[in-house]
Amino acid sequence: MPFPIKECVVCGEEFELRPDKPGFANRCPSCSTPEAGDKPSEGDYRTDNAELNEARRKTMREMLYKKEQ
């Protein structure tokens, strides 16, 4: 059974939609591969910031071990 022929929404190139094709179903393999230069921005929520982590730990410690009055 032949694979369906799709047209890429980015570049317009026709390609076979195979089950093991990585990326998006409506993009050709060359358009769906991520660029190597992509990395999270400076303000990204996943970046490590030691000061923020320390403040979080301190707050959690205070909340957990706060004496009841």
N, C-alpha and C. Protein backbone atom coordinates (compact mmCIF):
# COMPACT_ATOMS: atom_id res chain seq x y z
N MET A 1 0.86 -1.17 0.00
CA MET A 1 0.00 0.00 0.00
C MET A 1 0.91 1.24 0.00
N PRO A 2 0.72 2.11 -0.97
CA PRO A 2 1.58 3.30 -1.05
C PRO A 2 1.22 4.32 0.04
N PHE A 3 2.23 5.09 0.39
CA PHE A 3 2.03 6.13 1.39
C PHE A 3 1.37 7.34 0.74
N PRO A 4 0.52 8.07 1.48
CA PRO A 4 -0.14 9.24 0.89
C PRO A 4 0.87 10.36 0.60
N ILE A 5 0.63 11.07 -0.49
CA ILE A 5 1.46 12.20 -0.88
C ILE A 5 0.83 13.46 -0.29
N LYS A 6 1.62 14.19 0.47
CA LYS A 6 1.16 15.43 1.10
C LYS A 6 1.97 16.59 0.55
N GLU A 7 1.43 17.80 0.72
CA GLU A 7 2.15 19.02 0.33
C GLU A 7 2.51 19.79 1.59
N CYS A 8 3.77 20.18 1.68
CA CYS A 8 4.27 20.90 2.86
C CYS A 8 3.61 22.28 2.93
N VAL A 9 3.15 22.65 4.13
CA VAL A 9 2.50 23.95 4.30
C VAL A 9 3.52 25.08 4.38
N VAL A 10 4.79 24.75 4.61
CA VAL A 10 5.82 25.78 4.73
C VAL A 10 6.43 26.10 3.37
N CYS A 11 6.93 25.06 2.67
CA CYS A 11 7.65 25.31 1.42
C CYS A 11 6.88 24.86 0.18
N GLY A 12 5.81 24.09 0.33
CA GLY A 12 5.01 23.66 -0.80
C GLY A 12 5.53 22.41 -1.49
N GLU A 13 6.58 21.81 -1.00
CA GLU A 13 7.17 20.61 -1.59
C GLU A 13 6.29 19.40 -1.28
N GLU A 14 6.18 18.47 -2.24
CA GLU A 14 5.41 17.25 -2.02
C GLU A 14 6.31 16.21 -1.36
N PHE A 15 5.73 15.43 -0.44
CA PHE A 15 6.49 14.38 0.25
C PHE A 15 5.55 13.25 0.61
N GLU A 16 6.14 12.05 0.84
CA GLU A 16 5.37 10.90 1.28
C GLU A 16 5.21 10.94 2.79
N LEU A 17 4.01 10.76 3.25
CA LEU A 17 3.75 10.74 4.69
C LEU A 17 3.93 9.31 5.19
N ARG A 18 5.08 9.05 5.79
CA ARG A 18 5.41 7.72 6.29
C ARG A 18 5.15 7.66 7.79
N PRO A 19 4.85 6.46 8.31
CA PRO A 19 4.57 6.35 9.74
C PRO A 19 5.76 6.70 10.63
N ASP A 20 6.98 6.47 10.15
CA ASP A 20 8.15 6.74 10.98
C ASP A 20 8.78 8.11 10.71
N LYS A 21 8.05 8.98 9.98
CA LYS A 21 8.59 10.31 9.66
C LYS A 21 8.57 11.18 10.91
N PRO A 22 9.72 11.77 11.27
CA PRO A 22 9.75 12.65 12.45
C PRO A 22 9.12 14.01 12.13
N GLY A 23 8.63 14.68 13.12
CA GLY A 23 8.11 16.04 12.94
C GLY A 23 6.61 16.08 12.70
N PHE A 24 6.18 17.14 12.05
CA PHE A 24 4.76 17.40 11.83
C PHE A 24 4.24 16.64 10.61
N ALA A 25 2.96 16.29 10.63
CA ALA A 25 2.37 15.54 9.52
C ALA A 25 2.11 16.41 8.31
N ASN A 26 2.05 17.73 8.46
CA ASN A 26 1.77 18.59 7.32
C ASN A 26 3.02 19.33 6.84
N ARG A 27 4.21 18.90 7.28
CA ARG A 27 5.47 19.51 6.86
C ARG A 27 6.42 18.45 6.34
N CYS A 28 7.22 18.81 5.34
CA CYS A 28 8.20 17.88 4.80
C CYS A 28 9.31 17.67 5.83
N PRO A 29 10.10 16.60 5.69
CA PRO A 29 11.14 16.32 6.69
C PRO A 29 12.14 17.46 6.87
N SER A 30 12.48 18.17 5.80
CA SER A 30 13.46 19.26 5.94
C SER A 30 12.87 20.46 6.69
N CYS A 31 11.58 20.69 6.60
CA CYS A 31 10.96 21.82 7.30
C CYS A 31 10.56 21.47 8.74
N SER A 32 10.43 20.19 9.06
CA SER A 32 9.99 19.83 10.40
C SER A 32 11.13 19.53 11.35
N THR A 33 12.38 19.54 10.88
CA THR A 33 13.50 19.33 11.79
C THR A 33 13.80 20.63 12.52
N PRO A 34 14.00 20.57 13.82
CA PRO A 34 14.31 21.79 14.57
C PRO A 34 15.71 22.29 14.24
N GLU A 35 15.87 23.60 14.26
CA GLU A 35 17.18 24.18 13.98
C GLU A 35 18.11 23.98 15.17
N ALA A 36 19.38 23.81 14.89
CA ALA A 36 20.36 23.56 15.95
C ALA A 36 20.56 24.79 16.82
N GLY A 37 20.31 25.98 16.30
CA GLY A 37 20.53 27.21 17.04
C GLY A 37 19.42 27.54 18.02
N ASP A 38 18.33 26.79 17.98
CA ASP A 38 17.22 27.07 18.90
C ASP A 38 17.59 26.66 20.31
N LYS A 39 17.52 27.61 21.23
CA LYS A 39 17.68 27.30 22.64
C LYS A 39 16.78 28.25 23.42
N PRO A 40 16.45 27.88 24.63
CA PRO A 40 15.52 28.72 25.40
C PRO A 40 16.06 30.12 25.60
N SER A 41 15.14 31.06 25.64
CA SER A 41 15.54 32.45 25.83
C SER A 41 16.00 32.67 27.26
N GLU A 42 16.58 33.82 27.50
CA GLU A 42 17.12 34.15 28.83
C GLU A 42 16.03 34.14 29.89
N GLY A 43 14.84 34.61 29.54
CA GLY A 43 13.76 34.68 30.52
C GLY A 43 12.89 33.44 30.55
N ASP A 44 13.35 32.37 29.96
CA ASP A 44 12.56 31.14 29.89
C ASP A 44 12.37 30.56 31.30
N TYR A 45 11.21 29.98 31.53
CA TYR A 45 10.91 29.44 32.85
C TYR A 45 11.75 28.22 33.20
N ARG A 46 12.39 27.60 32.23
CA ARG A 46 13.18 26.40 32.49
C ARG A 46 14.63 26.69 32.83
N THR A 47 15.04 27.94 32.72
CA THR A 47 16.44 28.25 33.00
C THR A 47 16.71 28.13 34.49
N ASP A 48 17.92 27.72 34.81
CA ASP A 48 18.31 27.56 36.21
C ASP A 48 18.74 28.90 36.77
N ASN A 49 18.22 29.23 37.91
CA ASN A 49 18.61 30.45 38.59
C ASN A 49 18.77 30.09 40.06
N ALA A 50 20.01 30.06 40.51
CA ALA A 50 20.31 29.61 41.87
C ALA A 50 19.63 30.47 42.92
N GLU A 51 19.54 31.77 42.69
CA GLU A 51 18.92 32.65 43.68
C GLU A 51 17.43 32.36 43.83
N LEU A 52 16.75 32.14 42.71
CA LEU A 52 15.32 31.82 42.78
C LEU A 52 15.10 30.48 43.46
N ASN A 53 15.94 29.50 43.14
CA ASN A 53 15.79 28.19 43.76
C ASN A 53 16.02 28.27 45.27
N GLU A 54 17.00 29.04 45.68
CA GLU A 54 17.27 29.20 47.12
C GLU A 54 16.09 29.87 47.82
N ALA A 55 15.50 30.89 47.18
CA ALA A 55 14.34 31.57 47.76
C ALA A 55 13.16 30.62 47.86
N ARG A 56 12.97 29.77 46.87
CA ARG A 56 11.88 28.79 46.92
C ARG A 56 12.09 27.80 48.06
N ARG A 57 13.31 27.30 48.18
CA ARG A 57 13.61 26.36 49.26
C ARG A 57 13.37 27.00 50.63
N LYS A 58 13.80 28.25 50.78
CA LYS A 58 13.63 28.96 52.05
C LYS A 58 12.15 29.13 52.38
N THR A 59 11.36 29.52 51.39
CA THR A 59 9.93 29.71 51.59
C THR A 59 9.25 28.40 51.97
N MET A 60 9.60 27.32 51.27
CA MET A 60 9.01 26.02 51.58
C MET A 60 9.39 25.57 52.99
N ARG A 61 10.65 25.79 53.36
CA ARG A 61 11.11 25.43 54.69
C ARG A 61 10.32 26.20 55.75
N GLU A 62 10.13 27.50 55.52
CA GLU A 62 9.38 28.32 56.47
C GLU A 62 7.92 27.87 56.57
N MET A 63 7.33 27.51 55.43
CA MET A 63 5.94 27.08 55.44
C MET A 63 5.78 25.73 56.15
N LEU A 64 6.72 24.83 55.92
CA LEU A 64 6.61 23.50 56.51
C LEU A 64 6.88 23.50 58.01
N TYR A 65 7.85 24.26 58.44
CA TYR A 65 8.29 24.19 59.82
C TYR A 65 7.89 25.41 60.65
N LYS A 66 6.93 26.18 60.16
CA LYS A 66 6.47 27.36 60.89
C LYS A 66 5.76 26.91 62.17
N LYS A 67 6.12 27.54 63.28
CA LYS A 67 5.51 27.18 64.56
C LYS A 67 4.10 27.73 64.62
N GLU A 68 3.21 26.89 65.09
CA GLU A 68 1.82 27.31 65.25
C GLU A 68 1.72 28.22 66.47
N GLN A 69 1.01 29.31 66.33
CA GLN A 69 0.88 30.25 67.45
C GLN A 69 -0.52 30.26 67.99
